[in-house]
Amino acid sequence: MVRHRLSGQQQSGGYAIQVTHAIHVGTGMRLRARFTTPAVDAVVPSVKTSPAHTISLAFGADGITLYDQDDRRRAELIRP
């Protein structure tokens, strides 16, 4: 089992990422995730955070492509 962590540093709290769908494509994976941001008037901690979502795969994918809820490619990881 291989664990992958998807993250990115943000300037404050209130950010989140959640994988909502995973599709096995050949020897790779295509992931869709929902990225959320705090409302403009939200009260959030003013500390740097790194929202993350860990998923477990039954195999070591040769590549992973991450798309957001608006179908924009956010990241791509290709195993050397």
PDB file of N, CA and C in Angstrom:
ATOM      1  N   MET A   1       0.839  -1.173   0.000  1.00  0.00           N
ATOM      2  CA  MET A   1       0.000   0.000   0.000  1.00  0.00           C
ATOM      3  C   MET A   1       0.890   1.243   0.000  1.00  0.00           C
ATOM      4  N   VAL A   2       0.561   2.196  -0.843  1.00  0.00           N
ATOM      5  CA  VAL A   2       1.327   3.426  -0.969  1.00  0.00           C
ATOM      6  C   VAL A   2       0.466   4.576  -0.484  1.00  0.00           C
ATOM      7  N   ARG A   3       1.040   5.453   0.321  1.00  0.00           N
ATOM      8  CA  ARG A   3       0.299   6.623   0.819  1.00  0.00           C
ATOM      9  C   ARG A   3       0.830   7.873   0.120  1.00  0.00           C
ATOM     10  N   HIS A   4      -0.088   8.704  -0.318  1.00  0.00           N
ATOM     11  CA  HIS A   4       0.261   9.963  -0.968  1.00  0.00           C
ATOM     12  C   HIS A   4      -0.362  11.086  -0.166  1.00  0.00           C
ATOM     13  N   ARG A   5       0.376  12.142   0.034  1.00  0.00           N
ATOM     14  CA  ARG A   5      -0.137  13.282   0.778  1.00  0.00           C
ATOM     15  C   ARG A   5      -0.201  14.478  -0.163  1.00  0.00           C
ATOM     16  N   LEU A   6      -1.351  15.092  -0.251  1.00  0.00           N
ATOM     17  CA  LEU A   6      -1.572  16.247  -1.108  1.00  0.00           C
ATOM     18  C   LEU A   6      -1.659  17.468  -0.220  1.00  0.00           C
ATOM     19  N   SER A   7      -0.813  18.430  -0.445  1.00  0.00           N
ATOM     20  CA  SER A   7      -0.850  19.575   0.450  1.00  0.00           C
ATOM     21  C   SER A   7      -0.312  20.821  -0.235  1.00  0.00           C
ATOM     22  N   GLY A   8      -0.385  21.910   0.466  1.00  0.00           N
ATOM     23  CA  GLY A   8       0.152  23.177   0.002  1.00  0.00           C
ATOM     24  C   GLY A   8       0.016  24.204   1.103  1.00  0.00           C
ATOM     25  N   GLN A   9       1.053  24.955   1.357  1.00  0.00           N
ATOM     26  CA  GLN A   9       1.040  25.914   2.458  1.00  0.00           C
ATOM     27  C   GLN A   9       0.142  27.104   2.131  1.00  0.00           C
ATOM     28  N   GLN A  10      -0.632  27.531   3.133  1.00  0.00           N
ATOM     29  CA  GLN A  10      -1.499  28.697   3.031  1.00  0.00           C
ATOM     30  C   GLN A  10      -1.116  29.686   4.129  1.00  0.00           C
ATOM     31  N   GLN A  11      -1.490  30.934   3.959  1.00  0.00           N
ATOM     32  CA  GLN A  11      -1.100  31.989   4.899  1.00  0.00           C
ATOM     33  C   GLN A  11      -1.949  32.061   6.163  1.00  0.00           C
ATOM     34  N   SER A  12      -3.090  31.359   6.185  1.00  0.00           N
ATOM     35  CA  SER A  12      -3.955  31.376   7.371  1.00  0.00           C
ATOM     36  C   SER A  12      -4.775  30.097   7.412  1.00  0.00           C
ATOM     37  N   GLY A  13      -5.561  29.924   8.480  1.00  0.00           N
ATOM     38  CA  GLY A  13      -6.455  28.787   8.588  1.00  0.00           C
ATOM     39  C   GLY A  13      -7.661  28.965   7.694  1.00  0.00           C
ATOM     40  N   GLY A  14      -8.523  27.968   7.662  1.00  0.00           N
ATOM     41  CA  GLY A  14      -9.760  28.052   6.889  1.00  0.00           C
ATOM     42  C   GLY A  14      -9.694  27.419   5.516  1.00  0.00           C
ATOM     43  N   TYR A  15      -8.534  26.917   5.111  1.00  0.00           N
ATOM     44  CA  TYR A  15      -8.381  26.256   3.818  1.00  0.00           C
ATOM     45  C   TYR A  15      -8.509  24.753   4.004  1.00  0.00           C
ATOM     46  N   ALA A  16      -8.991  24.047   2.973  1.00  0.00           N
ATOM     47  CA  ALA A  16      -9.116  22.592   3.067  1.00  0.00           C
ATOM     48  C   ALA A  16      -9.030  21.968   1.684  1.00  0.00           C
ATOM     49  N   ILE A  17      -8.651  20.694   1.652  1.00  0.00           N
ATOM     50  CA  ILE A  17      -8.674  19.887   0.439  1.00  0.00           C
ATOM     51  C   ILE A  17      -9.237  18.526   0.818  1.00  0.00           C
ATOM     52  N   GLN A  18     -10.129  17.989  -0.026  1.00  0.00           N
ATOM     53  CA  GLN A  18     -10.684  16.663   0.209  1.00  0.00           C
ATOM     54  C   GLN A  18     -10.815  15.946  -1.124  1.00  0.00           C
ATOM     55  N   VAL A  19     -10.162  14.799  -1.245  1.00  0.00           N
ATOM     56  CA  VAL A  19     -10.270  13.986  -2.454  1.00  0.00           C
ATOM     57  C   VAL A  19     -11.681  13.424  -2.504  1.00  0.00           C
ATOM     58  N   THR A  20     -12.364  13.641  -3.639  1.00  0.00           N
ATOM     59  CA  THR A  20     -13.748  13.204  -3.772  1.00  0.00           C
ATOM     60  C   THR A  20     -13.916  12.048  -4.740  1.00  0.00           C
ATOM     61  N   HIS A  21     -12.914  11.833  -5.613  1.00  0.00           N
ATOM     62  CA  HIS A  21     -13.040  10.791  -6.624  1.00  0.00           C
ATOM     63  C   HIS A  21     -11.649  10.358  -7.068  1.00  0.00           C
ATOM     64  N   ALA A  22     -11.462   9.082  -7.284  1.00  0.00           N
ATOM     65  CA  ALA A  22     -10.190   8.554  -7.781  1.00  0.00           C
ATOM     66  C   ALA A  22     -10.477   7.552  -8.887  1.00  0.00           C
ATOM     67  N   ILE A  23      -9.771   7.694 -10.008  1.00  0.00           N
ATOM     68  CA  ILE A  23      -9.943   6.800 -11.149  1.00  0.00           C
ATOM     69  C   ILE A  23      -8.590   6.199 -11.490  1.00  0.00           C
ATOM     70  N   HIS A  24      -8.548   4.868 -11.591  1.00  0.00           N
ATOM     71  CA  HIS A  24      -7.337   4.165 -11.988  1.00  0.00           C
ATOM     72  C   HIS A  24      -7.246   4.218 -13.514  1.00  0.00           C
ATOM     73  N   VAL A  25      -6.182   4.834 -14.047  1.00  0.00           N
ATOM     74  CA  VAL A  25      -5.999   4.981 -15.489  1.00  0.00           C
ATOM     75  C   VAL A  25      -4.667   4.345 -15.858  1.00  0.00           C
ATOM     76  N   GLY A  26      -4.699   3.154 -16.458  1.00  0.00           N
ATOM     77  CA  GLY A  26      -3.459   2.451 -16.783  1.00  0.00           C
ATOM     78  C   GLY A  26      -2.669   2.172 -15.523  1.00  0.00           C
ATOM     79  N   THR A  27      -1.443   2.696 -15.456  1.00  0.00           N
ATOM     80  CA  THR A  27      -0.612   2.524 -14.262  1.00  0.00           C
ATOM     81  C   THR A  27      -0.618   3.782 -13.391  1.00  0.00           C
ATOM     82  N   GLY A  28      -1.540   4.676 -13.661  1.00  0.00           N
ATOM     83  CA  GLY A  28      -1.609   5.922 -12.904  1.00  0.00           C
ATOM     84  C   GLY A  28      -2.967   6.129 -12.266  1.00  0.00           C
ATOM     85  N   MET A  29      -3.100   7.286 -11.644  1.00  0.00           N
ATOM     86  CA  MET A  29      -4.352   7.666 -10.982  1.00  0.00           C
ATOM     87  C   MET A  29      -4.737   9.082 -11.402  1.00  0.00           C
ATOM     88  N   ARG A  30      -6.021   9.272 -11.531  1.00  0.00           N
ATOM     89  CA  ARG A  30      -6.570  10.610 -11.758  1.00  0.00           C
ATOM     90  C   ARG A  30      -7.459  10.917 -10.557  1.00  0.00           C
ATOM     91  N   LEU A  31      -7.107  11.983  -9.843  1.00  0.00           N
ATOM     92  CA  LEU A  31      -7.842  12.363  -8.633  1.00  0.00           C
ATOM     93  C   LEU A  31      -8.609  13.658  -8.847  1.00  0.00           C
ATOM     94  N   ARG A  32      -9.775  13.724  -8.241  1.00  0.00           N
ATOM     95  CA  ARG A  32     -10.539  14.974  -8.212  1.00  0.00           C
ATOM     96  C   ARG A  32     -10.708  15.335  -6.746  1.00  0.00           C
ATOM     97  N   ALA A  33     -10.474  16.592  -6.429  1.00  0.00           N
ATOM     98  CA  ALA A  33     -10.566  17.043  -5.043  1.00  0.00           C
ATOM     99  C   ALA A  33     -11.330  18.354  -4.961  1.00  0.00           C
ATOM    100  N   ARG A  34     -11.934  18.563  -3.813  1.00  0.00           N
ATOM    101  CA  ARG A  34     -12.618  19.828  -3.543  1.00  0.00           C
ATOM    102  C   ARG A  34     -11.690  20.680  -2.694  1.00  0.00           C
ATOM    103  N   PHE A  35     -11.356  21.840  -3.225  1.00  0.00           N
ATOM    104  CA  PHE A  35     -10.527  22.817  -2.521  1.00  0.00           C
ATOM    105  C   PHE A  35     -11.463  23.877  -1.960  1.00  0.00           C
ATOM    106  N   THR A  36     -11.349  24.172  -0.683  1.00  0.00           N
ATOM    107  CA  THR A  36     -12.178  25.212  -0.090  1.00  0.00           C
ATOM    108  C   THR A  36     -11.291  26.302   0.499  1.00  0.00           C
ATOM    109  N   THR A  37     -11.800  27.506   0.449  1.00  0.00           N
ATOM    110  CA  THR A  37     -11.094  28.667   0.996  1.00  0.00           C
ATOM    111  C   THR A  37     -12.031  29.372   1.977  1.00  0.00           C
ATOM    112  N   PRO A  38     -11.476  30.086   2.934  1.00  0.00           N
ATOM    113  CA  PRO A  38     -12.338  30.771   3.897  1.00  0.00           C
ATOM    114  C   PRO A  38     -13.094  31.930   3.240  1.00  0.00           C
ATOM    115  N   ALA A  39     -14.259  32.205   3.768  1.00  0.00           N
ATOM    116  CA  ALA A  39     -15.021  33.368   3.287  1.00  0.00           C
ATOM    117  C   ALA A  39     -14.232  34.635   3.583  1.00  0.00           C
ATOM    118  N   VAL A  40     -14.461  35.661   2.808  1.00  0.00           N
ATOM    119  CA  VAL A  40     -13.742  36.926   2.956  1.00  0.00           C
ATOM    120  C   VAL A  40     -13.888  37.490   4.366  1.00  0.00           C
ATOM    121  N   ASP A  41     -15.071  37.357   4.956  1.00  0.00           N
ATOM    122  CA  ASP A  41     -15.309  37.915   6.291  1.00  0.00           C
ATOM    123  C   ASP A  41     -15.160  36.878   7.415  1.00  0.00           C
ATOM    124  N   ALA A  42     -14.618  35.699   7.107  1.00  0.00           N
ATOM    125  CA  ALA A  42     -14.469  34.654   8.123  1.00  0.00           C
ATOM    126  C   ALA A  42     -13.352  34.994   9.111  1.00  0.00           C
ATOM    127  N   VAL A  43     -13.561  34.615  10.352  1.00  0.00           N
ATOM    128  CA  VAL A  43     -12.537  34.763  11.379  1.00  0.00           C
ATOM    129  C   VAL A  43     -11.733  33.464  11.375  1.00  0.00           C
ATOM    130  N   VAL A  44     -10.449  33.559  11.024  1.00  0.00           N
ATOM    131  CA  VAL A  44      -9.607  32.363  10.931  1.00  0.00           C
ATOM    132  C   VAL A  44      -8.292  32.615  11.670  1.00  0.00           C
ATOM    133  N   PRO A  45      -7.623  31.552  12.110  1.00  0.00           N
ATOM    134  CA  PRO A  45      -6.328  31.731  12.756  1.00  0.00           C
ATOM    135  C   PRO A  45      -5.331  32.355  11.785  1.00  0.00           C
ATOM    136  N   SER A  46      -4.521  33.280  12.250  1.00  0.00           N
ATOM    137  CA  SER A  46      -3.543  33.938  11.371  1.00  0.00           C
ATOM    138  C   SER A  46      -2.180  33.260  11.486  1.00  0.00           C
ATOM    139  N   VAL A  47      -2.186  31.965  11.270  1.00  0.00           N
ATOM    140  CA  VAL A  47      -0.953  31.178  11.261  1.00  0.00           C
ATOM    141  C   VAL A  47      -0.894  30.416   9.944  1.00  0.00           C
ATOM    142  N   LYS A  48       0.308  30.144   9.480  1.00  0.00           N
ATOM    143  CA  LYS A  48       0.453  29.365   8.250  1.00  0.00           C
ATOM    144  C   LYS A  48      -0.039  27.947   8.495  1.00  0.00           C
ATOM    145  N   THR A  49      -0.801  27.425   7.544  1.00  0.00           N
ATOM    146  CA  THR A  49      -1.321  26.064   7.642  1.00  0.00           C
ATOM    147  C   THR A  49      -1.000  25.320   6.354  1.00  0.00           C
ATOM    148  N   SER A  50      -1.075  24.022   6.399  1.00  0.00           N
ATOM    149  CA  SER A  50      -0.863  23.180   5.222  1.00  0.00           C
ATOM    150  C   SER A  50      -1.996  22.162   5.154  1.00  0.00           C
ATOM    151  N   PRO A  51      -3.122  22.552   4.535  1.00  0.00           N
ATOM    152  CA  PRO A  51      -4.230  21.613   4.428  1.00  0.00           C
ATOM    153  C   PRO A  51      -3.792  20.383   3.637  1.00  0.00           C
ATOM    154  N   ALA A  52      -4.233  19.219   4.055  1.00  0.00           N
ATOM    155  CA  ALA A  52      -3.810  17.975   3.402  1.00  0.00           C
ATOM    156  C   ALA A  52      -4.908  16.930   3.501  1.00  0.00           C
ATOM    157  N   HIS A  53      -4.852  15.983   2.579  1.00  0.00           N
ATOM    158  CA  HIS A  53      -5.735  14.823   2.612  1.00  0.00           C
ATOM    159  C   HIS A  53      -4.875  13.639   2.207  1.00  0.00           C
ATOM    160  N   THR A  54      -4.777  12.649   3.065  1.00  0.00           N
ATOM    161  CA  THR A  54      -3.979  11.458   2.782  1.00  0.00           C
ATOM    162  C   THR A  54      -4.885  10.361   2.254  1.00  0.00           C
ATOM    163  N   ILE A  55      -4.463   9.732   1.153  1.00  0.00           N
ATOM    164  CA  ILE A  55      -5.216   8.610   0.600  1.00  0.00           C
ATOM    165  C   ILE A  55      -4.291   7.400   0.535  1.00  0.00           C
ATOM    166  N   SER A  56      -4.868   6.218   0.540  1.00  0.00           N
ATOM    167  CA  SER A  56      -4.100   4.977   0.434  1.00  0.00           C
ATOM    168  C   SER A  56      -4.453   4.275  -0.870  1.00  0.00           C
ATOM    169  N   LEU A  57      -3.432   3.814  -1.569  1.00  0.00           N
ATOM    170  CA  LEU A  57      -3.625   3.082  -2.821  1.00  0.00           C
ATOM    171  C   LEU A  57      -3.103   1.668  -2.647  1.00  0.00           C
ATOM    172  N   ALA A  58      -3.728   0.723  -3.313  1.00  0.00           N
ATOM    173  CA  ALA A  58      -3.299  -0.671  -3.227  1.00  0.00           C
ATOM    174  C   ALA A  58      -2.104  -0.962  -4.139  1.00  0.00           C
ATOM    175  N   PHE A  59      -1.634   0.048  -4.866  1.00  0.00           N
ATOM    176  CA  PHE A  59      -0.508  -0.129  -5.776  1.00  0.00           C
ATOM    177  C   PHE A  59       0.283   1.168  -5.837  1.00  0.00           C
ATOM    178  N   GLY A  60       1.501   1.102  -6.329  1.00  0.00           N
ATOM    179  CA  GLY A  60       2.327   2.288  -6.508  1.00  0.00           C
ATOM    180  C   GLY A  60       2.083   2.887  -7.879  1.00  0.00           C
ATOM    181  N   ALA A  61       1.316   3.946  -7.947  1.00  0.00           N
ATOM    182  CA  ALA A  61       0.977   4.569  -9.230  1.00  0.00           C
ATOM    183  C   ALA A  61       2.214   5.184  -9.876  1.00  0.00           C
ATOM    184  N   ASP A  62       2.332   5.035 -11.195  1.00  0.00           N
ATOM    185  CA  ASP A  62       3.437   5.647 -11.927  1.00  0.00           C
ATOM    186  C   ASP A  62       3.232   7.142 -12.127  1.00  0.00           C
ATOM    187  N   GLY A  63       2.002   7.578 -12.032  1.00  0.00           N
ATOM    188  CA  GLY A  63       1.699   8.999 -12.160  1.00  0.00           C
ATOM    189  C   GLY A  63       0.372   9.315 -11.501  1.00  0.00           C
ATOM    190  N   ILE A  64       0.283  10.502 -10.955  1.00  0.00           N
ATOM    191  CA  ILE A  64      -0.960  10.965 -10.341  1.00  0.00           C
ATOM    192  C   ILE A  64      -1.232  12.374 -10.851  1.00  0.00           C
ATOM    193  N   THR A  65      -2.443  12.582 -11.341  1.00  0.00           N
ATOM    194  CA  THR A  65      -2.860  13.913 -11.783  1.00  0.00           C
ATOM    195  C   THR A  65      -4.017  14.349 -10.900  1.00  0.00           C
ATOM    196  N   LEU A  66      -3.921  15.557 -10.369  1.00  0.00           N
ATOM    197  CA  LEU A  66      -4.924  16.097  -9.454  1.00  0.00           C
ATOM    198  C   LEU A  66      -5.701  17.212 -10.135  1.00  0.00           C
ATOM    199  N   TYR A  67      -7.025  17.080 -10.127  1.00  0.00           N
ATOM    200  CA  TYR A  67      -7.923  18.093 -10.677  1.00  0.00           C
ATOM    201  C   TYR A  67      -8.782  18.651  -9.546  1.00  0.00           C
ATOM    202  N   ASP A  68      -9.160  19.922  -9.675  1.00  0.00           N
ATOM    203  CA  ASP A  68     -10.046  20.507  -8.672  1.00  0.00           C
ATOM    204  C   ASP A  68     -11.504  20.353  -9.090  1.00  0.00           C
ATOM    205  N   GLN A  69     -12.407  20.882  -8.287  1.00  0.00           N
ATOM    206  CA  GLN A  69     -13.840  20.757  -8.529  1.00  0.00           C
ATOM    207  C   GLN A  69     -14.288  21.460  -9.802  1.00  0.00           C
ATOM    208  N   ASP A  70     -13.472  22.345 -10.349  1.00  0.00           N
ATOM    209  CA  ASP A  70     -13.801  23.044 -11.598  1.00  0.00           C
ATOM    210  C   ASP A  70     -13.085  22.429 -12.787  1.00  0.00           C
ATOM    211  N   ASP A  71     -12.532  21.208 -12.604  1.00  0.00           N
ATOM    212  CA  ASP A  71     -11.853  20.449 -13.643  1.00  0.00           C
ATOM    213  C   ASP A  71     -10.561  21.099 -14.132  1.00  0.00           C
ATOM    214  N   ARG A  72      -9.928  21.890 -13.273  1.00  0.00           N
ATOM    215  CA  ARG A  72      -8.617  22.472 -13.595  1.00  0.00           C
ATOM    216  C   ARG A  72      -7.538  21.571 -13.031  1.00  0.00           C
ATOM    217  N   ARG A  73      -6.501  21.306 -13.831  1.00  0.00           N
ATOM    218  CA  ARG A  73      -5.394  20.488 -13.331  1.00  0.00           C
ATOM    219  C   ARG A  73      -4.605  21.301 -12.330  1.00  0.00           C
ATOM    220  N   ARG A  74      -4.428  20.780 -11.118  1.00  0.00           N
ATOM    221  CA  ARG A  74      -3.734  21.486 -10.043  1.00  0.00           C
ATOM    222  C   ARG A  74      -2.321  20.965  -9.816  1.00  0.00           C
ATOM    223  N   ALA A  75      -2.110  19.675 -10.084  1.00  0.00           N
ATOM    224  CA  ALA A  75      -0.787  19.095  -9.836  1.00  0.00           C
ATOM    225  C   ALA A  75      -0.647  17.801 -10.630  1.00  0.00           C
ATOM    226  N   GLU A  76       0.605  17.465 -10.897  1.00  0.00           N
ATOM    227  CA  GLU A  76       0.898  16.207 -11.574  1.00  0.00           C
ATOM    228  C   GLU A  76       2.205  15.654 -11.014  1.00  0.00           C
ATOM    229  N   LEU A  77       2.199  14.390 -10.680  1.00  0.00           N
ATOM    230  CA  LEU A  77       3.367  13.710 -10.151  1.00  0.00           C
ATOM    231  C   LEU A  77       3.655  12.517 -11.061  1.00  0.00           C
ATOM    232  N   ILE A  78       4.853  12.486 -11.620  1.00  0.00           N
ATOM    233  CA  ILE A  78       5.275  11.371 -12.472  1.00  0.00           C
ATOM    234  C   ILE A  78       6.464  10.709 -11.824  1.00  0.00           C
ATOM    235  N   ARG A  79       6.369   9.390 -11.633  1.00  0.00           N
ATOM    236  CA  ARG A  79       7.480   8.658 -11.022  1.00  0.00           C
ATOM    237  C   ARG A  79       8.628   8.568 -12.026  1.00  0.00           C
ATOM    238  N   PRO A  80       9.871   8.888 -11.577  1.00  0.00           N
ATOM    239  CA  PRO A  80      11.015   8.833 -12.512  1.00  0.00           C
ATOM    240  C   PRO A  80      11.339   7.418 -12.939  1.00  0.00           C
TER     241      PRO A  80
END
